[in-house]
């Protein structure tokens, strides 16, 4: 009895130049990594893997932006009487809850208000995006 095996699928092979070109493009301001991957016919996760593996091979000016620590922003915490606060604006259909944490970020004229438990990583990402992708 002989069974025939299904034909073996070959993996796609990409040149190092192609990988580095996409990794470099993925670090440009405003670039969506997943969209860039799809535009070049590769899986999103593959490009993210290449970014981890090959970012040390990029030009120095790009590496400096990758490794640059997020700047600290000054924060002032104060107790204000409820009557002196301006009335918050809520989207229709989303009733405000009094036990929900609210974080409002205003950077370079752009404002974003978030509700719920927000991790420091989420806040760091929001600040970076409000600044236009710059760290």
N, C-alpha and C. Protein backbone atom coordinates (compact mmCIF):
# COMPACT_ATOMS: atom_id res chain seq x y z
N UNK A 1 0.83 -1.18 0.00
CA UNK A 1 0.00 0.00 0.00
C UNK A 1 0.87 1.24 0.00
N UNK A 2 0.70 2.04 -0.98
CA UNK A 2 1.48 3.28 -0.97
C UNK A 2 0.52 4.46 -0.98
N UNK A 3 0.83 5.37 -0.12
CA UNK A 3 0.02 6.60 -0.06
C UNK A 3 0.82 7.72 -0.68
N UNK A 4 0.15 8.50 -1.45
CA UNK A 4 0.86 9.65 -2.02
C UNK A 4 0.70 10.84 -1.08
N UNK A 5 1.78 11.51 -0.84
CA UNK A 5 1.78 12.67 0.03
C UNK A 5 1.35 13.91 -0.76
N UNK A 6 0.65 14.81 -0.08
CA UNK A 6 0.29 16.04 -0.79
C UNK A 6 1.55 16.84 -1.13
N UNK A 7 1.48 17.61 -2.18
CA UNK A 7 2.67 18.39 -2.56
C UNK A 7 3.07 19.35 -1.43
N UNK A 8 4.35 19.46 -1.22
CA UNK A 8 4.86 20.30 -0.15
C UNK A 8 4.85 21.76 -0.59
N UNK A 9 4.31 22.60 0.30
CA UNK A 9 4.27 24.04 0.00
C UNK A 9 5.60 24.67 0.37
N UNK A 10 6.12 25.46 -0.52
CA UNK A 10 7.37 26.16 -0.24
C UNK A 10 7.07 27.49 0.42
N UNK A 11 7.90 27.83 1.37
CA UNK A 11 7.76 29.13 2.02
C UNK A 11 8.27 30.21 1.08
N UNK A 12 7.68 31.37 1.21
CA UNK A 12 8.18 32.50 0.45
C UNK A 12 9.54 32.90 0.99
N UNK A 13 10.40 33.33 0.11
CA UNK A 13 11.74 33.75 0.51
C UNK A 13 11.90 35.22 0.13
N UNK A 14 12.34 36.03 1.08
CA UNK A 14 12.48 37.46 0.84
C UNK A 14 13.94 37.86 1.02
N UNK A 15 14.39 38.76 0.18
CA UNK A 15 15.77 39.21 0.28
C UNK A 15 15.93 40.11 1.50
N UNK A 16 17.16 40.19 1.99
CA UNK A 16 17.44 41.06 3.13
C UNK A 16 17.17 42.52 2.76
N UNK A 17 17.45 42.91 1.53
CA UNK A 17 17.17 44.29 1.10
C UNK A 17 15.68 44.60 1.19
N UNK A 18 14.84 43.65 0.78
CA UNK A 18 13.39 43.84 0.85
C UNK A 18 12.95 43.98 2.30
N UNK A 19 13.47 43.11 3.17
CA UNK A 19 13.11 43.16 4.59
C UNK A 19 13.50 44.49 5.21
N UNK A 20 14.74 44.91 4.96
CA UNK A 20 15.23 46.16 5.55
C UNK A 20 14.47 47.37 5.01
N UNK A 21 14.12 47.33 3.73
CA UNK A 21 13.36 48.43 3.14
C UNK A 21 12.01 48.57 3.84
N UNK A 22 11.32 47.46 4.06
CA UNK A 22 10.02 47.51 4.73
C UNK A 22 10.15 47.90 6.19
N UNK A 23 11.17 47.39 6.86
CA UNK A 23 11.38 47.75 8.27
C UNK A 23 11.63 49.25 8.37
N UNK A 24 12.47 49.79 7.49
CA UNK A 24 12.75 51.23 7.52
C UNK A 24 11.48 52.04 7.24
N UNK A 25 10.70 51.62 6.25
CA UNK A 25 9.45 52.33 5.95
C UNK A 25 8.48 52.26 7.13
N UNK A 26 8.50 51.15 7.85
CA UNK A 26 7.55 50.97 8.95
C UNK A 26 7.81 51.93 10.11
N UNK A 27 9.01 52.48 10.19
CA UNK A 27 9.34 53.41 11.27
C UNK A 27 9.13 54.87 10.87
N UNK A 28 8.66 55.12 9.66
CA UNK A 28 8.40 56.50 9.24
C UNK A 28 7.15 57.01 9.97
N UNK A 29 7.12 58.30 10.31
CA UNK A 29 5.96 58.86 11.02
C UNK A 29 4.66 58.66 10.23
N UNK A 30 3.64 58.25 10.94
CA UNK A 30 2.31 58.12 10.35
C UNK A 30 2.07 56.83 9.59
N UNK A 31 3.05 55.95 9.52
CA UNK A 31 2.89 54.70 8.76
C UNK A 31 2.17 53.67 9.62
N UNK A 32 1.17 53.02 9.03
CA UNK A 32 0.47 51.91 9.68
C UNK A 32 1.20 50.63 9.26
N UNK A 33 1.82 49.96 10.22
CA UNK A 33 2.65 48.80 9.92
C UNK A 33 1.83 47.70 9.25
N UNK A 34 0.65 47.44 9.76
CA UNK A 34 -0.20 46.38 9.19
C UNK A 34 -0.56 46.70 7.74
N UNK A 35 -0.90 47.95 7.47
CA UNK A 35 -1.27 48.33 6.11
C UNK A 35 -0.06 48.22 5.18
N UNK A 36 1.10 48.63 5.64
CA UNK A 36 2.33 48.52 4.84
C UNK A 36 2.59 47.06 4.48
N UNK A 37 2.42 46.18 5.46
CA UNK A 37 2.64 44.75 5.20
C UNK A 37 1.67 44.24 4.14
N UNK A 38 0.40 44.58 4.29
CA UNK A 38 -0.60 44.12 3.32
C UNK A 38 -0.33 44.66 1.92
N UNK A 39 0.13 45.91 1.84
CA UNK A 39 0.43 46.51 0.53
C UNK A 39 1.55 45.77 -0.18
N UNK A 40 2.41 45.11 0.58
CA UNK A 40 3.53 44.38 -0.01
C UNK A 40 3.31 42.86 0.00
N UNK A 41 2.07 42.45 0.29
CA UNK A 41 1.70 41.05 0.18
C UNK A 41 2.29 40.13 1.24
N UNK A 42 2.58 40.69 2.41
CA UNK A 42 3.08 39.83 3.49
C UNK A 42 2.16 39.94 4.70
N UNK A 43 2.27 38.97 5.59
CA UNK A 43 1.47 38.95 6.80
C UNK A 43 1.95 40.05 7.75
N UNK A 44 1.01 40.69 8.42
CA UNK A 44 1.34 41.77 9.36
C UNK A 44 2.36 41.31 10.40
N UNK A 45 2.14 40.13 10.97
CA UNK A 45 3.02 39.62 12.02
C UNK A 45 4.45 39.39 11.53
N UNK A 46 4.58 39.06 10.25
CA UNK A 46 5.92 38.86 9.70
C UNK A 46 6.70 40.17 9.71
N UNK A 47 6.04 41.27 9.34
CA UNK A 47 6.72 42.57 9.36
C UNK A 47 7.06 42.98 10.79
N UNK A 48 6.17 42.72 11.73
CA UNK A 48 6.49 43.03 13.13
C UNK A 48 7.69 42.20 13.61
N UNK A 49 7.78 40.95 13.17
CA UNK A 49 8.93 40.12 13.52
C UNK A 49 10.21 40.69 12.92
N UNK A 50 10.14 41.10 11.66
CA UNK A 50 11.31 41.71 11.01
C UNK A 50 11.74 42.97 11.75
N UNK A 51 10.78 43.76 12.21
CA UNK A 51 11.12 44.99 12.94
C UNK A 51 11.93 44.65 14.19
N UNK A 52 11.53 43.61 14.90
CA UNK A 52 12.26 43.21 16.11
C UNK A 52 13.65 42.68 15.77
N UNK A 53 13.71 41.90 14.70
CA UNK A 53 14.95 41.23 14.33
C UNK A 53 15.99 42.16 13.70
N UNK A 54 15.52 43.10 12.87
CA UNK A 54 16.47 43.83 12.03
C UNK A 54 16.56 45.33 12.31
N UNK A 55 15.87 45.83 13.32
CA UNK A 55 15.90 47.28 13.57
C UNK A 55 17.31 47.77 13.89
N UNK A 56 18.15 46.89 14.44
CA UNK A 56 19.53 47.30 14.75
C UNK A 56 20.37 47.53 13.49
N UNK A 57 19.89 47.10 12.32
CA UNK A 57 20.61 47.29 11.06
C UNK A 57 20.21 48.56 10.33
N UNK A 58 19.27 49.30 10.89
CA UNK A 58 18.79 50.52 10.23
C UNK A 58 19.79 51.66 10.40
N UNK A 59 19.66 52.71 9.57
CA UNK A 59 20.54 53.88 9.72
C UNK A 59 20.41 54.48 11.12
N UNK A 60 21.48 55.13 11.56
CA UNK A 60 21.54 55.69 12.91
C UNK A 60 20.40 56.65 13.22
N UNK A 61 20.02 57.50 12.26
CA UNK A 61 18.96 58.48 12.56
C UNK A 61 17.63 57.81 12.86
N UNK A 62 17.36 56.67 12.24
CA UNK A 62 16.13 55.94 12.54
C UNK A 62 16.26 55.22 13.88
N UNK A 63 17.43 54.64 14.14
CA UNK A 63 17.64 53.95 15.41
C UNK A 63 17.49 54.90 16.59
N UNK A 64 17.95 56.14 16.43
CA UNK A 64 17.82 57.11 17.52
C UNK A 64 16.35 57.37 17.85
N UNK A 65 15.49 57.41 16.84
CA UNK A 65 14.07 57.66 17.11
C UNK A 65 13.41 56.43 17.72
N UNK A 66 13.88 55.24 17.37
CA UNK A 66 13.31 54.01 17.92
C UNK A 66 13.65 53.90 19.40
N UNK A 67 14.90 54.16 19.75
CA UNK A 67 15.37 53.96 21.12
C UNK A 67 15.19 55.17 22.01
N UNK A 68 14.63 56.23 21.48
CA UNK A 68 14.46 57.46 22.25
C UNK A 68 13.38 57.25 23.31
N UNK A 69 13.70 57.53 24.58
CA UNK A 69 12.68 57.34 25.62
C UNK A 69 11.57 58.38 25.48
N UNK A 70 10.40 58.01 25.90
CA UNK A 70 9.27 58.93 25.83
C UNK A 70 9.52 60.09 26.80
N UNK A 71 9.23 61.31 26.36
CA UNK A 71 9.45 62.45 27.25
C UNK A 71 8.41 62.46 28.37
N UNK A 72 8.82 62.97 29.50
CA UNK A 72 7.89 63.11 30.61
C UNK A 72 7.18 64.45 30.47
N UNK A 73 5.90 64.44 30.70
CA UNK A 73 5.11 65.66 30.63
C UNK A 73 4.78 66.11 32.04
N UNK A 74 4.83 67.42 32.27
CA UNK A 74 4.46 67.91 33.61
C UNK A 74 2.98 67.68 33.87
N UNK A 75 2.68 67.29 35.09
CA UNK A 75 1.29 67.03 35.48
C UNK A 75 1.01 67.80 36.76
N UNK A 76 -0.14 68.45 36.79
CA UNK A 76 -0.57 69.16 37.99
C UNK A 76 -1.85 68.51 38.47
N UNK A 77 -1.85 68.06 39.70
CA UNK A 77 -3.03 67.45 40.30
C UNK A 77 -3.55 68.41 41.34
N UNK A 78 -4.81 68.75 41.23
CA UNK A 78 -5.38 69.68 42.20
C UNK A 78 -6.81 69.28 42.53
N UNK A 79 -7.21 69.59 43.74
CA UNK A 79 -8.60 69.38 44.13
C UNK A 79 -9.36 70.64 43.80
N UNK A 80 -10.37 70.49 42.98
CA UNK A 80 -11.20 71.63 42.61
C UNK A 80 -12.61 71.36 43.09
N UNK A 81 -13.26 72.36 43.63
CA UNK A 81 -14.66 72.16 43.99
C UNK A 81 -15.47 71.84 42.73
N UNK A 82 -16.45 71.00 42.87
CA UNK A 82 -17.24 70.56 41.74
C UNK A 82 -17.86 71.72 40.99
N UNK A 83 -18.24 72.77 41.68
CA UNK A 83 -18.92 73.89 41.03
C UNK A 83 -17.99 74.66 40.10
N UNK A 84 -16.67 74.62 40.31
CA UNK A 84 -15.76 75.39 39.45
C UNK A 84 -15.34 74.62 38.20
N UNK A 85 -15.67 73.36 38.14
CA UNK A 85 -15.33 72.56 36.95
C UNK A 85 -16.34 72.84 35.84
N UNK A 86 -15.85 72.81 34.62
CA UNK A 86 -16.77 72.97 33.50
C UNK A 86 -17.52 71.65 33.30
N UNK A 87 -18.69 71.75 32.75
CA UNK A 87 -19.49 70.55 32.52
C UNK A 87 -18.85 69.71 31.42
N UNK A 88 -18.62 68.43 31.68
CA UNK A 88 -18.03 67.59 30.65
C UNK A 88 -19.02 67.30 29.53
N UNK A 89 -18.48 67.09 28.34
CA UNK A 89 -19.31 66.75 27.18
C UNK A 89 -19.29 65.23 27.02
N UNK A 90 -20.46 64.63 26.92
CA UNK A 90 -20.55 63.20 26.72
C UNK A 90 -21.25 62.93 25.41
N UNK A 91 -20.81 61.87 24.75
CA UNK A 91 -21.44 61.48 23.50
C UNK A 91 -22.85 60.97 23.79
N UNK A 92 -23.78 61.24 22.87
CA UNK A 92 -25.14 60.74 23.07
C UNK A 92 -25.14 59.22 23.17
N UNK A 93 -25.94 58.72 24.05
CA UNK A 93 -26.08 57.27 24.20
C UNK A 93 -25.05 56.66 25.14
N UNK A 94 -24.07 57.44 25.59
CA UNK A 94 -23.08 56.93 26.53
C UNK A 94 -23.23 57.71 27.83
N UNK A 95 -24.01 57.20 28.76
CA UNK A 95 -24.22 57.94 30.00
C UNK A 95 -22.94 57.97 30.83
N UNK A 96 -22.62 59.12 31.42
CA UNK A 96 -21.43 59.19 32.26
C UNK A 96 -21.64 58.40 33.54
N UNK A 97 -20.60 57.72 33.98
CA UNK A 97 -20.66 57.01 35.24
C UNK A 97 -19.77 57.74 36.22
N UNK A 98 -20.22 57.86 37.43
CA UNK A 98 -19.46 58.61 38.42
C UNK A 98 -18.28 57.82 38.97
N UNK A 99 -18.28 56.49 38.78
CA UNK A 99 -17.18 55.69 39.31
C UNK A 99 -16.14 55.36 38.23
N UNK A 100 -16.23 55.99 37.06
CA UNK A 100 -15.32 55.72 35.96
C UNK A 100 -14.17 56.71 35.96
N UNK A 101 -12.94 56.20 35.77
CA UNK A 101 -11.78 57.06 35.67
C UNK A 101 -11.83 57.81 34.34
N UNK A 102 -11.50 59.09 34.36
CA UNK A 102 -11.50 59.90 33.15
C UNK A 102 -10.10 60.48 32.98
N UNK A 103 -9.56 60.37 31.79
CA UNK A 103 -8.26 60.97 31.48
C UNK A 103 -8.43 61.82 30.23
N UNK A 104 -8.10 63.09 30.34
CA UNK A 104 -8.18 63.98 29.18
C UNK A 104 -6.78 64.46 28.84
N UNK A 105 -6.36 64.24 27.60
CA UNK A 105 -5.05 64.66 27.13
C UNK A 105 -5.23 65.78 26.12
N UNK A 106 -4.46 66.84 26.27
CA UNK A 106 -4.45 67.92 25.30
C UNK A 106 -3.00 68.17 24.93
N UNK A 107 -2.66 67.92 23.68
CA UNK A 107 -1.30 68.10 23.19
C UNK A 107 -1.37 68.80 21.85
N UNK A 108 -0.66 69.90 21.71
CA UNK A 108 -0.58 70.63 20.44
C UNK A 108 -1.95 70.94 19.86
N UNK A 109 -2.88 71.32 20.68
CA UNK A 109 -4.21 71.71 20.21
C UNK A 109 -5.17 70.55 20.00
N UNK A 110 -4.71 69.32 20.11
CA UNK A 110 -5.59 68.16 19.96
C UNK A 110 -5.97 67.65 21.35
N UNK A 111 -7.23 67.30 21.52
CA UNK A 111 -7.70 66.80 22.81
C UNK A 111 -8.31 65.42 22.65
N UNK A 112 -8.12 64.60 23.67
CA UNK A 112 -8.70 63.27 23.68
C UNK A 112 -9.11 62.94 25.10
N UNK A 113 -10.34 62.50 25.27
CA UNK A 113 -10.84 62.12 26.59
C UNK A 113 -11.14 60.62 26.56
N UNK A 114 -10.57 59.90 27.54
CA UNK A 114 -10.74 58.46 27.63
C UNK A 114 -11.36 58.12 28.97
N UNK A 115 -12.18 57.08 28.98
CA UNK A 115 -12.84 56.62 30.19
C UNK A 115 -12.41 55.19 30.47
N UNK A 116 -12.30 54.84 31.74
CA UNK A 116 -11.98 53.47 32.12
C UNK A 116 -10.59 53.35 32.69
N UNK A 117 -10.17 52.12 32.93
CA UNK A 117 -8.84 51.86 33.47
C UNK A 117 -7.83 51.97 32.34
N UNK A 118 -6.93 52.93 32.44
CA UNK A 118 -5.95 53.16 31.39
C UNK A 118 -4.56 52.84 31.92
N UNK A 119 -3.86 51.98 31.22
CA UNK A 119 -2.51 51.61 31.65
C UNK A 119 -1.52 52.70 31.22
N UNK A 120 -0.37 52.76 31.86
CA UNK A 120 0.66 53.72 31.44
C UNK A 120 1.06 53.52 29.98
N UNK A 121 1.07 52.27 29.50
CA UNK A 121 1.44 52.01 28.11
C UNK A 121 0.42 52.63 27.16
N UNK A 122 -0.87 52.52 27.49
CA UNK A 122 -1.90 53.12 26.64
C UNK A 122 -1.75 54.63 26.64
N UNK A 123 -1.53 55.22 27.80
CA UNK A 123 -1.38 56.67 27.88
C UNK A 123 -0.16 57.14 27.10
N UNK A 124 0.94 56.40 27.17
CA UNK A 124 2.15 56.74 26.42
C UNK A 124 1.87 56.72 24.92
N UNK A 125 1.14 55.70 24.47
CA UNK A 125 0.79 55.60 23.05
C UNK A 125 -0.11 56.74 22.63
N UNK A 126 -1.09 57.08 23.45
CA UNK A 126 -2.00 58.18 23.12
C UNK A 126 -1.25 59.50 23.01
N UNK A 127 -0.34 59.75 23.93
CA UNK A 127 0.43 61.00 23.89
C UNK A 127 1.28 61.04 22.62
N UNK A 128 1.93 59.92 22.28
CA UNK A 128 2.75 59.88 21.08
C UNK A 128 1.90 60.15 19.83
N UNK A 129 0.71 59.55 19.76
CA UNK A 129 -0.14 59.74 18.59
C UNK A 129 -0.69 61.16 18.51
N UNK A 130 -1.02 61.74 19.66
CA UNK A 130 -1.49 63.12 19.64
C UNK A 130 -0.39 64.08 19.18
N UNK A 131 0.84 63.69 19.38
CA UNK A 131 1.96 64.51 18.92
C UNK A 131 2.32 64.21 17.47
N UNK A 132 1.51 63.42 16.80
CA UNK A 132 1.75 63.14 15.39
C UNK A 132 2.74 62.03 15.15
N UNK A 133 2.84 61.08 16.07
CA UNK A 133 3.74 59.95 15.89
C UNK A 133 5.15 60.22 16.37
N UNK A 134 5.42 61.43 16.83
CA UNK A 134 6.76 61.75 17.34
C UNK A 134 6.82 61.35 18.81
N UNK A 135 7.95 60.83 19.22
CA UNK A 135 8.13 60.48 20.64
C UNK A 135 8.37 61.69 21.47
